[in-house]
Amino acid sequence: MAEKNYTEVTLLGKSYVLGGAEQEAYLQRVATYVNGKAAELAKTQGYLRQTEDFRYLTLILNMADDYFKAQAQVEELTKKQAALEQELYSVKHELVSSKIRHDET
């Protein structure tokens, strides 16, 4: 079982101790992302006038949106990689076939 790491982070202006199998640097990175997303939203008109619950909900929805967009990008890149690997395989096959034909002559 992995050792549990603990680190103090500041999330939305409050201090918390996070624990997990991840390294401290990763946990700090996650907190920085959340704080950055909150700061980004705070710049939008009317956001700070909303209730705290609405702001948290907006933050969560925006982070989920980022996640699904990143997931779609990974899927697209995976498809492109598969297509490139297939193309590479075809080129290699063609090269070997050409070499065999050349050696036979």
N, C-alpha and C. Protein backbone atom coordinates (compact mmCIF):
# COMPACT_ATOMS: atom_id res chain seq x y z
N MET A 1 0.84 -1.17 0.00
CA MET A 1 0.00 0.00 0.00
C MET A 1 0.89 1.24 0.00
N ALA A 2 0.54 2.22 -0.79
CA ALA A 2 1.33 3.44 -0.90
C ALA A 2 1.23 4.26 0.37
N GLU A 3 2.33 4.91 0.67
CA GLU A 3 2.36 5.78 1.85
C GLU A 3 1.51 7.01 1.58
N LYS A 4 0.76 7.43 2.58
CA LYS A 4 -0.09 8.60 2.45
C LYS A 4 0.72 9.84 2.76
N ASN A 5 0.63 10.83 1.87
CA ASN A 5 1.31 12.10 2.05
C ASN A 5 0.31 13.16 2.46
N TYR A 6 0.73 14.04 3.32
CA TYR A 6 -0.12 15.13 3.78
C TYR A 6 0.57 16.45 3.48
N THR A 7 -0.21 17.43 3.09
CA THR A 7 0.32 18.77 2.86
C THR A 7 -0.76 19.80 3.10
N GLU A 8 -0.34 20.94 3.60
CA GLU A 8 -1.28 22.02 3.83
C GLU A 8 -1.38 22.86 2.56
N VAL A 9 -2.61 23.11 2.14
CA VAL A 9 -2.86 23.92 0.95
C VAL A 9 -3.87 25.01 1.29
N THR A 10 -3.89 26.03 0.47
CA THR A 10 -4.90 27.07 0.60
C THR A 10 -5.84 26.93 -0.59
N LEU A 11 -7.11 26.71 -0.28
CA LEU A 11 -8.14 26.60 -1.31
C LEU A 11 -9.19 27.66 -1.06
N LEU A 12 -9.35 28.52 -2.04
CA LEU A 12 -10.37 29.57 -1.97
C LEU A 12 -10.24 30.39 -0.68
N GLY A 13 -9.00 30.66 -0.31
CA GLY A 13 -8.73 31.51 0.84
C GLY A 13 -8.74 30.82 2.19
N LYS A 14 -8.96 29.52 2.22
CA LYS A 14 -8.97 28.78 3.49
C LYS A 14 -7.89 27.70 3.46
N SER A 15 -7.29 27.45 4.62
CA SER A 15 -6.26 26.43 4.71
C SER A 15 -6.87 25.06 4.99
N TYR A 16 -6.34 24.06 4.31
CA TYR A 16 -6.78 22.68 4.48
C TYR A 16 -5.55 21.79 4.46
N VAL A 17 -5.65 20.65 5.11
CA VAL A 17 -4.62 19.62 5.01
C VAL A 17 -5.18 18.54 4.10
N LEU A 18 -4.48 18.33 2.98
CA LEU A 18 -4.88 17.29 2.04
C LEU A 18 -4.00 16.07 2.25
N GLY A 19 -4.57 14.92 2.10
CA GLY A 19 -3.82 13.69 2.21
C GLY A 19 -4.11 12.80 1.02
N GLY A 20 -3.09 12.11 0.57
CA GLY A 20 -3.28 11.20 -0.54
C GLY A 20 -1.99 10.50 -0.90
N ALA A 21 -2.08 9.59 -1.83
CA ALA A 21 -0.90 8.84 -2.28
C ALA A 21 0.01 9.70 -3.15
N GLU A 22 -0.52 10.80 -3.66
CA GLU A 22 0.26 11.68 -4.53
C GLU A 22 1.28 12.46 -3.71
N GLN A 23 2.29 12.92 -4.41
CA GLN A 23 3.33 13.73 -3.78
C GLN A 23 2.81 15.12 -3.43
N GLU A 24 3.48 15.78 -2.49
CA GLU A 24 3.08 17.11 -2.04
C GLU A 24 2.99 18.08 -3.22
N ALA A 25 3.96 18.02 -4.12
CA ALA A 25 3.98 18.94 -5.26
C ALA A 25 2.72 18.78 -6.11
N TYR A 26 2.25 17.56 -6.28
CA TYR A 26 1.04 17.33 -7.05
C TYR A 26 -0.18 17.91 -6.34
N LEU A 27 -0.27 17.68 -5.04
CA LEU A 27 -1.40 18.21 -4.27
C LEU A 27 -1.41 19.74 -4.33
N GLN A 28 -0.23 20.36 -4.26
CA GLN A 28 -0.14 21.81 -4.38
C GLN A 28 -0.57 22.27 -5.78
N ARG A 29 -0.20 21.48 -6.77
CA ARG A 29 -0.58 21.81 -8.16
C ARG A 29 -2.09 21.77 -8.34
N VAL A 30 -2.74 20.80 -7.74
CA VAL A 30 -4.20 20.70 -7.80
C VAL A 30 -4.83 21.93 -7.13
N ALA A 31 -4.32 22.29 -5.97
CA ALA A 31 -4.86 23.46 -5.26
C ALA A 31 -4.65 24.73 -6.08
N THR A 32 -3.51 24.84 -6.71
CA THR A 32 -3.22 26.01 -7.55
C THR A 32 -4.18 26.08 -8.73
N TYR A 33 -4.49 24.94 -9.32
CA TYR A 33 -5.44 24.90 -10.43
C TYR A 33 -6.82 25.39 -9.97
N VAL A 34 -7.28 24.88 -8.83
CA VAL A 34 -8.60 25.27 -8.31
C VAL A 34 -8.62 26.77 -8.03
N ASN A 35 -7.59 27.27 -7.37
CA ASN A 35 -7.52 28.70 -7.07
C ASN A 35 -7.45 29.55 -8.34
N GLY A 36 -6.72 29.07 -9.33
CA GLY A 36 -6.62 29.79 -10.60
C GLY A 36 -7.95 29.86 -11.31
N LYS A 37 -8.67 28.75 -11.29
CA LYS A 37 -9.99 28.71 -11.94
C LYS A 37 -10.95 29.64 -11.21
N ALA A 38 -10.89 29.66 -9.88
CA ALA A 38 -11.74 30.57 -9.10
C ALA A 38 -11.40 32.02 -9.40
N ALA A 39 -10.10 32.34 -9.52
CA ALA A 39 -9.68 33.71 -9.83
C ALA A 39 -10.15 34.11 -11.23
N GLU A 40 -10.09 33.17 -12.15
CA GLU A 40 -10.56 33.42 -13.52
C GLU A 40 -12.06 33.75 -13.51
N LEU A 41 -12.83 32.97 -12.78
CA LEU A 41 -14.28 33.21 -12.69
C LEU A 41 -14.59 34.52 -11.99
N ALA A 42 -13.77 34.88 -11.00
CA ALA A 42 -14.01 36.12 -10.24
C ALA A 42 -13.92 37.35 -11.13
N LYS A 43 -13.24 37.21 -12.26
CA LYS A 43 -13.11 38.33 -13.20
C LYS A 43 -14.35 38.51 -14.07
N THR A 44 -15.25 37.53 -14.08
CA THR A 44 -16.44 37.64 -14.93
C THR A 44 -17.47 38.53 -14.24
N GLN A 45 -18.17 39.24 -15.07
CA GLN A 45 -19.14 40.20 -14.56
C GLN A 45 -20.24 39.53 -13.74
N GLY A 46 -20.46 40.02 -12.54
CA GLY A 46 -21.54 39.56 -11.69
C GLY A 46 -21.25 38.31 -10.88
N TYR A 47 -20.13 37.66 -11.13
CA TYR A 47 -19.82 36.41 -10.44
C TYR A 47 -19.75 36.60 -8.93
N LEU A 48 -19.05 37.62 -8.49
CA LEU A 48 -18.86 37.84 -7.06
C LEU A 48 -20.14 38.29 -6.35
N ARG A 49 -21.13 38.73 -7.10
CA ARG A 49 -22.41 39.13 -6.49
C ARG A 49 -23.32 37.92 -6.26
N GLN A 50 -22.94 36.77 -6.78
CA GLN A 50 -23.75 35.56 -6.61
C GLN A 50 -23.55 34.99 -5.21
N THR A 51 -24.45 34.10 -4.84
CA THR A 51 -24.31 33.44 -3.53
C THR A 51 -23.08 32.53 -3.55
N GLU A 52 -22.58 32.22 -2.37
CA GLU A 52 -21.41 31.35 -2.27
C GLU A 52 -21.71 29.99 -2.91
N ASP A 53 -22.90 29.45 -2.67
CA ASP A 53 -23.28 28.16 -3.26
C ASP A 53 -23.23 28.23 -4.79
N PHE A 54 -23.76 29.31 -5.35
CA PHE A 54 -23.77 29.45 -6.80
C PHE A 54 -22.34 29.57 -7.34
N ARG A 55 -21.48 30.29 -6.62
CA ARG A 55 -20.08 30.42 -7.06
C ARG A 55 -19.39 29.06 -7.04
N TYR A 56 -19.61 28.28 -5.98
CA TYR A 56 -19.01 26.94 -5.91
C TYR A 56 -19.54 26.05 -7.03
N LEU A 57 -20.82 26.12 -7.27
CA LEU A 57 -21.41 25.32 -8.35
C LEU A 57 -20.82 25.72 -9.70
N THR A 58 -20.68 27.02 -9.93
CA THR A 58 -20.10 27.50 -11.17
C THR A 58 -18.65 27.02 -11.31
N LEU A 59 -17.91 27.07 -10.22
CA LEU A 59 -16.53 26.59 -10.22
C LEU A 59 -16.47 25.11 -10.57
N ILE A 60 -17.31 24.32 -9.93
CA ILE A 60 -17.33 22.88 -10.18
C ILE A 60 -17.70 22.58 -11.63
N LEU A 61 -18.70 23.26 -12.15
CA LEU A 61 -19.12 23.04 -13.53
C LEU A 61 -18.03 23.43 -14.52
N ASN A 62 -17.33 24.52 -14.24
CA ASN A 62 -16.24 24.94 -15.12
C ASN A 62 -15.09 23.94 -15.09
N MET A 63 -14.80 23.41 -13.91
CA MET A 63 -13.74 22.42 -13.82
C MET A 63 -14.14 21.13 -14.53
N ALA A 64 -15.41 20.74 -14.42
CA ALA A 64 -15.90 19.55 -15.13
C ALA A 64 -15.82 19.78 -16.63
N ASP A 65 -16.15 20.99 -17.07
CA ASP A 65 -16.05 21.34 -18.48
C ASP A 65 -14.61 21.19 -18.97
N ASP A 66 -13.66 21.70 -18.19
CA ASP A 66 -12.24 21.55 -18.54
C ASP A 66 -11.87 20.08 -18.65
N TYR A 67 -12.34 19.28 -17.71
CA TYR A 67 -12.04 17.85 -17.71
C TYR A 67 -12.55 17.17 -18.98
N PHE A 68 -13.81 17.42 -19.32
CA PHE A 68 -14.39 16.75 -20.49
C PHE A 68 -13.76 17.24 -21.79
N LYS A 69 -13.39 18.51 -21.85
CA LYS A 69 -12.68 19.01 -23.03
C LYS A 69 -11.31 18.36 -23.16
N ALA A 70 -10.61 18.22 -22.04
CA ALA A 70 -9.30 17.56 -22.06
C ALA A 70 -9.44 16.09 -22.44
N GLN A 71 -10.48 15.45 -21.93
CA GLN A 71 -10.73 14.04 -22.27
C GLN A 71 -11.00 13.89 -23.76
N ALA A 72 -11.79 14.79 -24.34
CA ALA A 72 -12.07 14.75 -25.78
C ALA A 72 -10.79 14.97 -26.58
N GLN A 73 -9.93 15.86 -26.10
CA GLN A 73 -8.67 16.12 -26.79
C GLN A 73 -7.78 14.88 -26.74
N VAL A 74 -7.75 14.20 -25.61
CA VAL A 74 -6.96 12.98 -25.50
C VAL A 74 -7.49 11.92 -26.47
N GLU A 75 -8.80 11.77 -26.54
CA GLU A 75 -9.40 10.80 -27.46
C GLU A 75 -9.04 11.13 -28.91
N GLU A 76 -9.09 12.41 -29.27
CA GLU A 76 -8.75 12.83 -30.63
C GLU A 76 -7.28 12.55 -30.92
N LEU A 77 -6.41 12.87 -29.98
CA LEU A 77 -4.98 12.62 -30.17
C LEU A 77 -4.68 11.12 -30.24
N THR A 78 -5.42 10.33 -29.48
CA THR A 78 -5.25 8.87 -29.52
C THR A 78 -5.63 8.34 -30.90
N LYS A 79 -6.72 8.85 -31.46
CA LYS A 79 -7.13 8.45 -32.82
C LYS A 79 -6.08 8.84 -33.85
N LYS A 80 -5.54 10.07 -33.72
CA LYS A 80 -4.50 10.52 -34.65
C LYS A 80 -3.26 9.66 -34.54
N GLN A 81 -2.90 9.31 -33.29
CA GLN A 81 -1.73 8.47 -33.08
C GLN A 81 -1.93 7.11 -33.73
N ALA A 82 -3.11 6.53 -33.56
CA ALA A 82 -3.40 5.22 -34.17
C ALA A 82 -3.31 5.31 -35.69
N ALA A 83 -3.83 6.37 -36.27
CA ALA A 83 -3.78 6.55 -37.72
C ALA A 83 -2.34 6.69 -38.19
N LEU A 84 -1.53 7.46 -37.44
CA LEU A 84 -0.13 7.63 -37.81
C LEU A 84 0.64 6.32 -37.67
N GLU A 85 0.34 5.55 -36.63
CA GLU A 85 1.00 4.26 -36.46
C GLU A 85 0.64 3.31 -37.60
N GLN A 86 -0.61 3.36 -38.04
CA GLN A 86 -1.04 2.52 -39.17
C GLN A 86 -0.32 2.95 -40.45
N GLU A 87 -0.21 4.26 -40.63
CA GLU A 87 0.49 4.78 -41.81
C GLU A 87 1.96 4.38 -41.78
N LEU A 88 2.58 4.48 -40.61
CA LEU A 88 3.98 4.08 -40.45
C LEU A 88 4.15 2.60 -40.76
N TYR A 89 3.23 1.78 -40.25
CA TYR A 89 3.28 0.35 -40.53
C TYR A 89 3.20 0.10 -42.04
N SER A 90 2.31 0.80 -42.72
CA SER A 90 2.15 0.63 -44.16
C SER A 90 3.42 1.04 -44.91
N VAL A 91 4.02 2.14 -44.50
CA VAL A 91 5.24 2.60 -45.15
C VAL A 91 6.37 1.60 -44.92
N LYS A 92 6.49 1.09 -43.70
CA LYS A 92 7.52 0.09 -43.41
C LYS A 92 7.29 -1.17 -44.24
N HIS A 93 6.04 -1.60 -44.32
CA HIS A 93 5.70 -2.78 -45.11
C HIS A 93 6.07 -2.56 -46.57
N GLU A 94 5.74 -1.39 -47.09
CA GLU A 94 6.06 -1.05 -48.47
C GLU A 94 7.57 -1.04 -48.68
N LEU A 95 8.32 -0.50 -47.72
CA LEU A 95 9.77 -0.44 -47.80
C LEU A 95 10.37 -1.85 -47.82
N VAL A 96 9.89 -2.72 -46.94
CA VAL A 96 10.39 -4.10 -46.90
C VAL A 96 10.05 -4.81 -48.20
N SER A 97 8.84 -4.62 -48.70
CA SER A 97 8.43 -5.25 -49.95
C SER A 97 9.30 -4.77 -51.09
N SER A 98 9.57 -3.48 -51.13
CA SER A 98 10.42 -2.92 -52.19
C SER A 98 11.84 -3.49 -52.10
N LYS A 99 12.34 -3.61 -50.88
CA LYS A 99 13.70 -4.16 -50.69
C LYS A 99 13.76 -5.62 -51.16
N ILE A 100 12.72 -6.39 -50.83
CA ILE A 100 12.68 -7.80 -51.25
C ILE A 100 12.65 -7.87 -52.78
N ARG A 101 11.80 -7.05 -53.41
CA ARG A 101 11.72 -7.04 -54.88
C ARG A 101 13.06 -6.64 -55.49
N HIS A 102 13.71 -5.66 -54.86
CA HIS A 102 15.00 -5.19 -55.38
C HIS A 102 16.06 -6.27 -55.23
N ASP A 103 16.07 -6.97 -54.10
CA ASP A 103 17.06 -8.04 -53.86
C ASP A 103 16.84 -9.22 -54.79
N GLU A 104 15.61 -9.42 -55.24
CA GLU A 104 15.30 -10.54 -56.12
C GLU A 104 15.76 -10.26 -57.55
N THR A 105 16.03 -8.99 -57.86
CA THR A 105 16.44 -8.67 -59.24
C THR A 105 17.92 -8.67 -59.40
